[in-house]
Amino acid sequence: MPNIKSVKKDVLRSRERQLRNQAAKSQIKTLIKKARVAIEGHATAEDVKPLVAAAVSLVDRAVKRGIIHKNAAARRKSRLAKRANTITA
């Protein structure tokens, strides 16, 4: 732990941010996984659509807050949409 008071505060703030970012990333992975499982489980398009929408929304919010890069978000959304479109096709 540092000796300077402002640096101590910086360390605490960075830990808080790290936990917040980690939780957001974990939530993204969980929602994407739920959507993929539903898609691979041959669920109907009506069942999959809200799961995909929720995952995409969460990914977009993470980009807005700077948690993940916009290209990484685009890649994740594209892959998920591609899988979801196999049901409707």
C-alpha atoms as a PDB file:
ATOM      1  CA  MET A   1       0.000   0.000   0.000  1.00  0.00           C
ATOM      2  CA  PRO A   2       1.379   3.441  -0.863  1.00  0.00           C
ATOM      3  CA  ASN A   3       2.181   6.075   1.739  1.00  0.00           C
ATOM      4  CA  ILE A   4       0.744   9.118  -0.006  1.00  0.00           C
ATOM      5  CA  LYS A   5      -2.920   9.748   0.770  1.00  0.00           C
ATOM      6  CA  SER A   6      -4.001  10.613  -2.792  1.00  0.00           C
ATOM      7  CA  VAL A   7      -2.268   7.532  -4.179  1.00  0.00           C
ATOM      8  CA  LYS A   8      -4.039   5.372  -1.583  1.00  0.00           C
ATOM      9  CA  LYS A   9      -7.333   6.785  -2.825  1.00  0.00           C
ATOM     10  CA  ASP A  10      -6.318   6.096  -6.432  1.00  0.00           C
ATOM     11  CA  VAL A  11      -5.562   2.471  -5.566  1.00  0.00           C
ATOM     12  CA  LEU A  12      -8.935   2.046  -3.862  1.00  0.00           C
ATOM     13  CA  ARG A  13     -10.761   3.660  -6.787  1.00  0.00           C
ATOM     14  CA  SER A  14      -8.980   1.459  -9.314  1.00  0.00           C
ATOM     15  CA  ARG A  15      -9.941  -1.651  -7.319  1.00  0.00           C
ATOM     16  CA  GLU A  16     -13.577  -0.559  -7.276  1.00  0.00           C
ATOM     17  CA  ARG A  17     -13.505   0.055 -11.017  1.00  0.00           C
ATOM     18  CA  GLN A  18     -11.825  -3.288 -11.624  1.00  0.00           C
ATOM     19  CA  LEU A  19     -14.559  -5.127  -9.730  1.00  0.00           C
ATOM     20  CA  ARG A  20     -17.286  -3.189 -11.538  1.00  0.00           C
ATOM     21  CA  ASN A  21     -15.730  -3.902 -14.943  1.00  0.00           C
ATOM     22  CA  GLN A  22     -15.182  -7.542 -14.061  1.00  0.00           C
ATOM     23  CA  ALA A  23     -18.835  -7.916 -13.067  1.00  0.00           C
ATOM     24  CA  ALA A  24     -20.009  -6.304 -16.298  1.00  0.00           C
ATOM     25  CA  LYS A  25     -17.807  -8.568 -18.428  1.00  0.00           C
ATOM     26  CA  SER A  26     -19.030 -11.609 -16.541  1.00  0.00           C
ATOM     27  CA  GLN A  27     -22.637 -10.588 -17.066  1.00  0.00           C
ATOM     28  CA  ILE A  28     -22.007 -10.146 -20.792  1.00  0.00           C
ATOM     29  CA  LYS A  29     -20.509 -13.613 -21.035  1.00  0.00           C
ATOM     30  CA  THR A  30     -23.423 -15.102 -19.085  1.00  0.00           C
ATOM     31  CA  LEU A  31     -26.103 -13.518 -21.279  1.00  0.00           C
ATOM     32  CA  ILE A  32     -24.309 -14.482 -24.490  1.00  0.00           C
ATOM     33  CA  LYS A  33     -23.967 -18.030 -23.211  1.00  0.00           C
ATOM     34  CA  LYS A  34     -27.683 -18.202 -22.329  1.00  0.00           C
ATOM     35  CA  ALA A  35     -28.596 -17.005 -25.808  1.00  0.00           C
ATOM     36  CA  ARG A  36     -26.219 -19.497 -27.457  1.00  0.00           C
ATOM     37  CA  VAL A  37     -27.566 -22.379 -25.370  1.00  0.00           C
ATOM     38  CA  ALA A  38     -31.111 -21.448 -26.350  1.00  0.00           C
ATOM     39  CA  ILE A  39     -30.102 -21.272 -30.018  1.00  0.00           C
ATOM     40  CA  GLU A  40     -28.286 -24.590 -29.925  1.00  0.00           C
ATOM     41  CA  GLY A  41     -31.134 -26.123 -27.935  1.00  0.00           C
ATOM     42  CA  HIS A  42     -33.388 -25.538 -30.945  1.00  0.00           C
ATOM     43  CA  ALA A  43     -35.593 -23.012 -29.162  1.00  0.00           C
ATOM     44  CA  THR A  44     -38.098 -21.048 -31.179  1.00  0.00           C
ATOM     45  CA  ALA A  45     -37.267 -17.635 -32.606  1.00  0.00           C
ATOM     46  CA  GLU A  46     -39.703 -16.019 -30.157  1.00  0.00           C
ATOM     47  CA  ASP A  47     -37.779 -17.520 -27.227  1.00  0.00           C
ATOM     48  CA  VAL A  48     -34.353 -16.542 -28.533  1.00  0.00           C
ATOM     49  CA  LYS A  49     -35.149 -12.993 -29.649  1.00  0.00           C
ATOM     50  CA  PRO A  50     -35.388 -11.425 -26.132  1.00  0.00           C
ATOM     51  CA  LEU A  51     -32.214 -13.204 -24.999  1.00  0.00           C
ATOM     52  CA  VAL A  52     -30.261 -11.888 -27.977  1.00  0.00           C
ATOM     53  CA  ALA A  53     -31.691  -8.396 -27.504  1.00  0.00           C
ATOM     54  CA  ALA A  54     -30.700  -8.375 -23.832  1.00  0.00           C
ATOM     55  CA  ALA A  55     -27.167  -9.519 -24.644  1.00  0.00           C
ATOM     56  CA  VAL A  56     -26.747  -6.913 -27.391  1.00  0.00           C
ATOM     57  CA  SER A  57     -28.067  -4.186 -25.108  1.00  0.00           C
ATOM     58  CA  LEU A  58     -25.618  -5.124 -22.363  1.00  0.00           C
ATOM     59  CA  VAL A  59     -22.706  -5.210 -24.812  1.00  0.00           C
ATOM     60  CA  ASP A  60     -23.638  -1.752 -26.093  1.00  0.00           C
ATOM     61  CA  ARG A  61     -23.782  -0.368 -22.553  1.00  0.00           C
ATOM     62  CA  ALA A  62     -20.356  -1.840 -21.795  1.00  0.00           C
ATOM     63  CA  VAL A  63     -18.934  -0.074 -24.856  1.00  0.00           C
ATOM     64  CA  LYS A  64     -20.519   3.189 -23.798  1.00  0.00           C
ATOM     65  CA  ARG A  65     -18.902   2.910 -20.368  1.00  0.00           C
ATOM     66  CA  GLY A  66     -15.532   1.947 -21.865  1.00  0.00           C
ATOM     67  CA  ILE A  67     -15.438  -1.572 -20.453  1.00  0.00           C
ATOM     68  CA  ILE A  68     -14.905  -3.315 -23.791  1.00  0.00           C
ATOM     69  CA  HIS A  69     -13.644  -2.035 -27.133  1.00  0.00           C
ATOM     70  CA  LYS A  70     -16.210  -1.158 -29.784  1.00  0.00           C
ATOM     71  CA  ASN A  71     -14.722  -3.609 -32.295  1.00  0.00           C
ATOM     72  CA  ALA A  72     -14.855  -6.418 -29.733  1.00  0.00           C
ATOM     73  CA  ALA A  73     -18.495  -5.547 -29.111  1.00  0.00           C
ATOM     74  CA  ALA A  74     -19.253  -5.555 -32.817  1.00  0.00           C
ATOM     75  CA  ARG A  75     -17.595  -8.959 -33.156  1.00  0.00           C
ATOM     76  CA  ARG A  76     -19.595 -10.454 -30.285  1.00  0.00           C
ATOM     77  CA  LYS A  77     -22.884  -9.030 -31.556  1.00  0.00           C
ATOM     78  CA  SER A  78     -22.165 -10.212 -35.096  1.00  0.00           C
ATOM     79  CA  ARG A  79     -21.361 -13.752 -34.019  1.00  0.00           C
ATOM     80  CA  LEU A  80     -24.455 -13.918 -31.847  1.00  0.00           C
ATOM     81  CA  ALA A  81     -26.694 -12.517 -34.595  1.00  0.00           C
ATOM     82  CA  LYS A  82     -25.249 -14.973 -37.100  1.00  0.00           C
ATOM     83  CA  ARG A  83     -26.129 -17.868 -34.814  1.00  0.00           C
ATOM     84  CA  ALA A  84     -29.582 -16.448 -34.092  1.00  0.00           C
ATOM     85  CA  ASN A  85     -30.301 -16.087 -37.809  1.00  0.00           C
ATOM     86  CA  THR A  86     -29.819 -19.823 -38.313  1.00  0.00           C
ATOM     87  CA  ILE A  87     -33.108 -20.358 -36.451  1.00  0.00           C
ATOM     88  CA  THR A  88     -35.132 -18.028 -38.640  1.00  0.00           C
ATOM     89  CA  ALA A  89     -33.588 -19.273 -41.891  1.00  0.00           C
END
